[in-house]
C-alpha atoms as a PDB file:
ATOM      1  CA  UNK A   1      -1.671  -1.503  -7.003  1.00  0.00           C
ATOM      2  CA  UNK A   2      -2.130   1.251  -3.914  1.00  0.00           C
ATOM      3  CA  UNK A   3      -1.589   4.321  -4.813  1.00  0.00           C
ATOM      4  CA  UNK A   4      -0.417   6.953  -2.626  1.00  0.00           C
ATOM      5  CA  UNK A   5      -1.785  11.460  -2.880  1.00  0.00           C
ATOM      6  CA  UNK A   6       0.553  13.861  -1.115  1.00  0.00           C
ATOM      7  CA  UNK A   7      -0.849  17.690  -1.581  1.00  0.00           C
ATOM      8  CA  UNK A   8       1.301  20.946  -0.759  1.00  0.00           C
ATOM      9  CA  UNK A   9      -0.708  23.581  -0.613  1.00  0.00           C
ATOM     10  CA  UNK A  10      -0.640  27.493  -1.440  1.00  0.00           C
ATOM     11  CA  UNK A  11      -3.166  30.413  -2.189  1.00  0.00           C
ATOM     12  CA  UNK A  12      -4.166  29.799  -5.493  1.00  0.00           C
ATOM     13  CA  UNK A  13      -2.591  26.889  -6.618  1.00  0.00           C
ATOM     14  CA  UNK A  14      -1.783  23.535  -5.308  1.00  0.00           C
ATOM     15  CA  UNK A  15       0.749  20.674  -6.261  1.00  0.00           C
ATOM     16  CA  UNK A  16       0.080  16.938  -6.826  1.00  0.00           C
ATOM     17  CA  UNK A  17       2.165  13.788  -6.647  1.00  0.00           C
ATOM     18  CA  UNK A  18       0.466  10.570  -6.916  1.00  0.00           C
ATOM     19  CA  UNK A  19       3.388   7.495  -6.306  1.00  0.00           C
ATOM     20  CA  UNK A  20       2.825   4.131  -6.118  1.00  0.00           C
ATOM     21  CA  UNK A  21       3.693   1.396  -4.210  1.00  0.00           C
ATOM     22  CA  UNK A  22       7.562   1.564  -4.726  1.00  0.00           C
ATOM     23  CA  UNK A  23       7.391   5.143  -4.369  1.00  0.00           C
ATOM     24  CA  UNK A  24       7.649   6.049  -6.999  1.00  0.00           C
ATOM     25  CA  UNK A  25       5.550   9.174  -8.800  1.00  0.00           C
ATOM     26  CA  UNK A  26       2.886   8.255 -11.246  1.00  0.00           C
ATOM     27  CA  UNK A  27       1.075  11.381 -11.288  1.00  0.00           C
ATOM     28  CA  UNK A  28       2.590  15.054 -10.902  1.00  0.00           C
ATOM     29  CA  UNK A  29       0.900  18.198 -11.361  1.00  0.00           C
ATOM     30  CA  UNK A  30       0.385  21.458 -10.997  1.00  0.00           C
ATOM     31  CA  UNK A  31      -3.235  22.873 -10.867  1.00  0.00           C
ATOM     32  CA  UNK A  32      -5.284  25.964  -9.611  1.00  0.00           C
ATOM     33  CA  UNK A  33      -7.395  26.130  -7.317  1.00  0.00           C
ATOM     34  CA  UNK A  34     -10.675  24.377  -8.951  1.00  0.00           C
ATOM     35  CA  UNK A  35     -12.207  21.430  -7.300  1.00  0.00           C
ATOM     36  CA  UNK A  36     -13.409  20.201 -10.452  1.00  0.00           C
ATOM     37  CA  UNK A  37      -9.599  19.565 -11.777  1.00  0.00           C
ATOM     38  CA  UNK A  38      -9.054  17.739  -8.671  1.00  0.00           C
ATOM     39  CA  UNK A  39     -11.857  14.949  -9.674  1.00  0.00           C
ATOM     40  CA  UNK A  40     -10.875  15.136 -13.434  1.00  0.00           C
ATOM     41  CA  UNK A  41      -7.005  14.071 -12.683  1.00  0.00           C
ATOM     42  CA  UNK A  42      -8.332  11.744  -9.101  1.00  0.00           C
ATOM     43  CA  UNK A  43     -11.201   9.814 -10.323  1.00  0.00           C
ATOM     44  CA  UNK A  44      -8.587   7.600 -13.052  1.00  0.00           C
ATOM     45  CA  UNK A  45      -7.544   7.267  -9.549  1.00  0.00           C
ATOM     46  CA  UNK A  46      -9.744   6.170  -7.616  1.00  0.00           C
ATOM     47  CA  UNK A  47     -10.097   2.640  -6.465  1.00  0.00           C
ATOM     48  CA  UNK A  48      -6.076   2.081  -6.027  1.00  0.00           C
ATOM     49  CA  UNK A  49      -6.098   5.385  -3.543  1.00  0.00           C
ATOM     50  CA  UNK A  50      -5.485   4.499  -0.410  1.00  0.00           C
ATOM     51  CA  UNK A  51      -4.885   7.757   0.423  1.00  0.00           C
ATOM     52  CA  UNK A  52      -4.196  12.181  -0.518  1.00  0.00           C
ATOM     53  CA  UNK A  53      -2.862  13.513   2.400  1.00  0.00           C
ATOM     54  CA  UNK A  54      -3.464  17.848   2.601  1.00  0.00           C
ATOM     55  CA  UNK A  55      -1.366  20.447   4.023  1.00  0.00           C
ATOM     56  CA  UNK A  56      -3.488  21.648   7.518  1.00  0.00           C
ATOM     57  CA  UNK A  57      -2.666  24.993   6.186  1.00  0.00           C
ATOM     58  CA  UNK A  58      -4.879  27.831   6.386  1.00  0.00           C
ATOM     59  CA  UNK A  59      -7.090  27.029   3.245  1.00  0.00           C
ATOM     60  CA  UNK A  60      -8.027  23.201   3.497  1.00  0.00           C
ATOM     61  CA  UNK A  61     -11.571  23.492   4.036  1.00  0.00           C
ATOM     62  CA  UNK A  62     -13.216  23.429   0.471  1.00  0.00           C
ATOM     63  CA  UNK A  63     -11.092  20.607  -0.523  1.00  0.00           C
ATOM     64  CA  UNK A  64     -10.968  18.266   2.121  1.00  0.00           C
ATOM     65  CA  UNK A  65     -15.000  18.496   2.511  1.00  0.00           C
ATOM     66  CA  UNK A  66     -14.772  18.840  -1.682  1.00  0.00           C
ATOM     67  CA  UNK A  67     -12.381  15.343  -2.407  1.00  0.00           C
ATOM     68  CA  UNK A  68     -14.432  13.347   0.759  1.00  0.00           C
ATOM     69  CA  UNK A  69     -17.997  14.114  -0.291  1.00  0.00           C
ATOM     70  CA  UNK A  70     -17.337  12.275  -3.525  1.00  0.00           C
ATOM     71  CA  UNK A  71     -15.734   9.338  -1.473  1.00  0.00           C
ATOM     72  CA  UNK A  72     -11.950   9.926  -1.014  1.00  0.00           C
ATOM     73  CA  UNK A  73     -10.128   9.487   1.876  1.00  0.00           C
ATOM     74  CA  UNK A  74      -8.449  12.358   2.955  1.00  0.00           C
ATOM     75  CA  UNK A  75      -5.440  12.853   6.232  1.00  0.00           C
ATOM     76  CA  UNK A  76      -4.733  16.680   7.294  1.00  0.00           C
ATOM     77  CA  UNK A  77      -1.216  16.577   7.852  1.00  0.00           C
ATOM     78  CA  UNK A  78       0.061  18.267  10.954  1.00  0.00           C
ATOM     79  CA  UNK A  79       2.702  20.339   9.090  1.00  0.00           C
ATOM     80  CA  UNK A  80       4.585  21.255  12.399  1.00  0.00           C
ATOM     81  CA  UNK A  81       5.941  18.041  13.228  1.00  0.00           C
ATOM     82  CA  UNK A  82       6.598  17.254   9.137  1.00  0.00           C
ATOM     83  CA  UNK A  83      10.525  17.460   8.691  1.00  0.00           C
ATOM     84  CA  UNK A  84      11.934  16.217   5.156  1.00  0.00           C
ATOM     85  CA  UNK A  85      15.435  15.794   5.634  1.00  0.00           C
ATOM     86  CA  UNK A  86      17.748  17.775   7.273  1.00  0.00           C
ATOM     87  CA  UNK A  87      20.593  19.357   5.198  1.00  0.00           C
ATOM     88  CA  UNK A  88      18.255  18.878   1.761  1.00  0.00           C
ATOM     89  CA  UNK A  89      19.918  21.146  -1.178  1.00  0.00           C
ATOM     90  CA  UNK A  90      17.051  21.209  -3.260  1.00  0.00           C
ATOM     91  CA  UNK A  91      13.077  21.855  -1.580  1.00  0.00           C
ATOM     92  CA  UNK A  92      10.257  22.711  -3.584  1.00  0.00           C
ATOM     93  CA  UNK A  93       6.721  22.040  -4.239  1.00  0.00           C
ATOM     94  CA  UNK A  94       7.058  18.623  -5.699  1.00  0.00           C
ATOM     95  CA  UNK A  95       9.412  17.485  -3.378  1.00  0.00           C
ATOM     96  CA  UNK A  96       6.880  18.329  -0.596  1.00  0.00           C
ATOM     97  CA  UNK A  97       4.281  16.630  -2.153  1.00  0.00           C
ATOM     98  CA  UNK A  98       5.544  13.418  -3.071  1.00  0.00           C
ATOM     99  CA  UNK A  99       7.204  13.736   0.865  1.00  0.00           C
ATOM    100  CA  UNK A 100       3.712  13.691   2.018  1.00  0.00           C
ATOM    101  CA  UNK A 101       2.401  10.667  -0.217  1.00  0.00           C
ATOM    102  CA  UNK A 102       5.988   8.634   1.178  1.00  0.00           C
ATOM    103  CA  UNK A 103       5.182   8.926   4.701  1.00  0.00           C
ATOM    104  CA  UNK A 104       1.576   8.222   3.844  1.00  0.00           C
ATOM    105  CA  UNK A 105       2.851   5.403   2.443  1.00  0.00           C
ATOM    106  CA  UNK A 106       5.506   4.471   5.041  1.00  0.00           C
ATOM    107  CA  UNK A 107       2.728   4.999   7.243  1.00  0.00           C
ATOM    108  CA  UNK A 108       4.241   7.753   9.354  1.00  0.00           C
ATOM    109  CA  UNK A 109       2.608  10.606   8.541  1.00  0.00           C
ATOM    110  CA  UNK A 110       1.464  12.505  11.403  1.00  0.00           C
ATOM    111  CA  UNK A 111      -1.765  13.580  10.981  1.00  0.00           C
ATOM    112  CA  UNK A 112      -4.094  16.722  12.109  1.00  0.00           C
ATOM    113  CA  UNK A 113      -7.891  16.217  13.592  1.00  0.00           C
ATOM    114  CA  UNK A 114     -10.369  17.075  10.580  1.00  0.00           C
ATOM    115  CA  UNK A 115     -12.966  19.078  12.949  1.00  0.00           C
ATOM    116  CA  UNK A 116     -16.659  18.686  11.821  1.00  0.00           C
ATOM    117  CA  UNK A 117     -18.355  21.456   9.569  1.00  0.00           C
ATOM    118  CA  UNK A 118     -20.208  22.679  12.377  1.00  0.00           C
ATOM    119  CA  UNK A 119     -17.260  23.225  14.684  1.00  0.00           C
ATOM    120  CA  UNK A 120     -14.944  24.799  12.742  1.00  0.00           C
ATOM    121  CA  UNK A 121     -16.037  28.547  12.992  1.00  0.00           C
ATOM    122  CA  UNK A 122     -15.884  28.524  16.961  1.00  0.00           C
ATOM    123  CA  UNK A 123     -12.849  26.954  16.910  1.00  0.00           C
ATOM    124  CA  UNK A 124     -11.556  29.436  14.184  1.00  0.00           C
ATOM    125  CA  UNK A 125     -13.034  31.968  15.690  1.00  0.00           C
ATOM    126  CA  UNK A 126     -10.824  30.666  19.418  1.00  0.00           C
ATOM    127  CA  UNK A 127      -7.203  30.841  17.675  1.00  0.00           C
ATOM    128  CA  UNK A 128      -8.054  34.232  16.521  1.00  0.00           C
ATOM    129  CA  UNK A 129      -8.061  35.549  19.948  1.00  0.00           C
ATOM    130  CA  UNK A 130      -6.081  33.143  21.460  1.00  0.00           C
END
């Protein structure tokens, strides 16, 4: 069975939700910024995981690089385009992560470009100066 992951990033912790093909969450957890924890929790899903959708916030480099180096398919989400349903009464980190996994499953996840490491410093500098 295929699995889809959404990750809601924060400065010192992240929320992970892994959904199955029926949009049922099979795993959800808030974890600290620690690659070894990600590998511990993701490894059991590795063969079934179609991809992990990560928000393109200020702190995604280490996570995307670390998981990709360990064989996981990573997708950077264009957060400016992702909109949850208008009028939702309740939202939160787990719902946000679930929504990213849901969009990945549907094949409509708006993706961003994962810059190669060697170009990131120049890109970051230009973004701050313009």
